[in-house]
Amino acid sequence: MLNTLIILVIIVCVLALIGTLFVTKKLDDTYERKKSFSSLTYIYFLGLPAIILVSVLIWVFI
């Protein structure tokens, strides 16, 4: 069980890294603070519940 949780944590960390790199990937000549905040809001407030849901489903069914 502990190995499963460790693997799950590694997967979540990798997904967070990929999401962060995706948002910061391109240079924006017309940088807008609101646009950047909006992008991060989507990642953390929409992505986090999805990750938690997947984590719980994996935990329940494994």
C-alpha atoms as a PDB file:
ATOM      1  CA  MET A   1       0.000   0.000   0.000  1.00  0.00           C
ATOM      2  CA  LEU A   2       2.834   2.374   0.854  1.00  0.00           C
ATOM      3  CA  ASN A   3       4.470   1.791  -2.518  1.00  0.00           C
ATOM      4  CA  THR A   4       1.210   2.659  -4.257  1.00  0.00           C
ATOM      5  CA  LEU A   5       0.946   5.936  -2.365  1.00  0.00           C
ATOM      6  CA  ILE A   6       4.558   6.819  -3.163  1.00  0.00           C
ATOM      7  CA  ILE A   7       3.930   6.185  -6.855  1.00  0.00           C
ATOM      8  CA  LEU A   8       0.764   8.288  -6.664  1.00  0.00           C
ATOM      9  CA  VAL A   9       2.673  11.186  -5.097  1.00  0.00           C
ATOM     10  CA  ILE A  10       5.327  10.975  -7.802  1.00  0.00           C
ATOM     11  CA  ILE A  11       2.643  11.052 -10.516  1.00  0.00           C
ATOM     12  CA  VAL A  12       0.950  14.089  -8.945  1.00  0.00           C
ATOM     13  CA  CYS A  13       4.282  15.923  -8.685  1.00  0.00           C
ATOM     14  CA  VAL A  14       5.126  15.186 -12.311  1.00  0.00           C
ATOM     15  CA  LEU A  15       1.694  16.410 -13.440  1.00  0.00           C
ATOM     16  CA  ALA A  16       2.143  19.603 -11.412  1.00  0.00           C
ATOM     17  CA  LEU A  17       5.557  20.159 -12.993  1.00  0.00           C
ATOM     18  CA  ILE A  18       4.180  19.607 -16.494  1.00  0.00           C
ATOM     19  CA  GLY A  19       1.299  21.994 -15.831  1.00  0.00           C
ATOM     20  CA  THR A  20       3.625  24.679 -14.510  1.00  0.00           C
ATOM     21  CA  LEU A  21       6.002  24.308 -17.452  1.00  0.00           C
ATOM     22  CA  PHE A  22       3.086  24.441 -19.890  1.00  0.00           C
ATOM     23  CA  VAL A  23       1.872  27.748 -18.461  1.00  0.00           C
ATOM     24  CA  THR A  24       5.338  29.315 -18.390  1.00  0.00           C
ATOM     25  CA  LYS A  25       6.498  27.822 -21.697  1.00  0.00           C
ATOM     26  CA  LYS A  26       6.001  30.697 -24.073  1.00  0.00           C
ATOM     27  CA  LEU A  27       7.180  34.263 -23.731  1.00  0.00           C
ATOM     28  CA  ASP A  28       4.417  36.815 -23.694  1.00  0.00           C
ATOM     29  CA  ASP A  29       5.291  40.282 -24.981  1.00  0.00           C
ATOM     30  CA  THR A  30       2.004  41.629 -23.710  1.00  0.00           C
ATOM     31  CA  TYR A  31       2.208  40.154 -20.215  1.00  0.00           C
ATOM     32  CA  GLU A  32      -0.929  40.644 -18.220  1.00  0.00           C
ATOM     33  CA  ARG A  33      -1.055  39.824 -14.555  1.00  0.00           C
ATOM     34  CA  LYS A  34      -4.741  38.933 -14.738  1.00  0.00           C
ATOM     35  CA  LYS A  35      -4.152  36.535 -17.632  1.00  0.00           C
ATOM     36  CA  SER A  36      -1.349  34.781 -15.776  1.00  0.00           C
ATOM     37  CA  PHE A  37      -3.389  34.561 -12.587  1.00  0.00           C
ATOM     38  CA  SER A  38      -6.321  33.209 -14.569  1.00  0.00           C
ATOM     39  CA  SER A  39      -4.176  30.460 -16.090  1.00  0.00           C
ATOM     40  CA  LEU A  40      -2.839  29.425 -12.706  1.00  0.00           C
ATOM     41  CA  THR A  41      -6.339  29.518 -11.274  1.00  0.00           C
ATOM     42  CA  TYR A  42      -7.471  27.024 -13.889  1.00  0.00           C
ATOM     43  CA  ILE A  43      -4.588  24.721 -13.069  1.00  0.00           C
ATOM     44  CA  TYR A  44      -4.987  24.743  -9.315  1.00  0.00           C
ATOM     45  CA  PHE A  45      -8.748  25.078  -8.850  1.00  0.00           C
ATOM     46  CA  LEU A  46      -9.804  22.808 -11.700  1.00  0.00           C
ATOM     47  CA  GLY A  47      -6.815  20.498 -11.888  1.00  0.00           C
ATOM     48  CA  LEU A  48      -6.421  19.886  -8.173  1.00  0.00           C
ATOM     49  CA  PRO A  49      -9.934  18.467  -7.616  1.00  0.00           C
ATOM     50  CA  ALA A  50      -9.451  16.240 -10.665  1.00  0.00           C
ATOM     51  CA  ILE A  51      -6.151  14.963  -9.271  1.00  0.00           C
ATOM     52  CA  ILE A  52      -7.728  14.377  -5.861  1.00  0.00           C
ATOM     53  CA  LEU A  53     -10.636  12.514  -7.443  1.00  0.00           C
ATOM     54  CA  VAL A  54      -8.325  10.284  -9.463  1.00  0.00           C
ATOM     55  CA  SER A  55      -6.185   9.678  -6.381  1.00  0.00           C
ATOM     56  CA  VAL A  56      -9.199   8.643  -4.313  1.00  0.00           C
ATOM     57  CA  LEU A  57     -10.480   6.368  -7.072  1.00  0.00           C
ATOM     58  CA  ILE A  58      -7.089   4.699  -7.367  1.00  0.00           C
ATOM     59  CA  TRP A  59      -6.906   4.308  -3.592  1.00  0.00           C
ATOM     60  CA  VAL A  60     -10.401   2.793  -3.394  1.00  0.00           C
ATOM     61  CA  PHE A  61      -9.987   0.332  -6.245  1.00  0.00           C
ATOM     62  CA  ILE A  62      -6.435  -0.845  -5.560  1.00  0.00           C
END
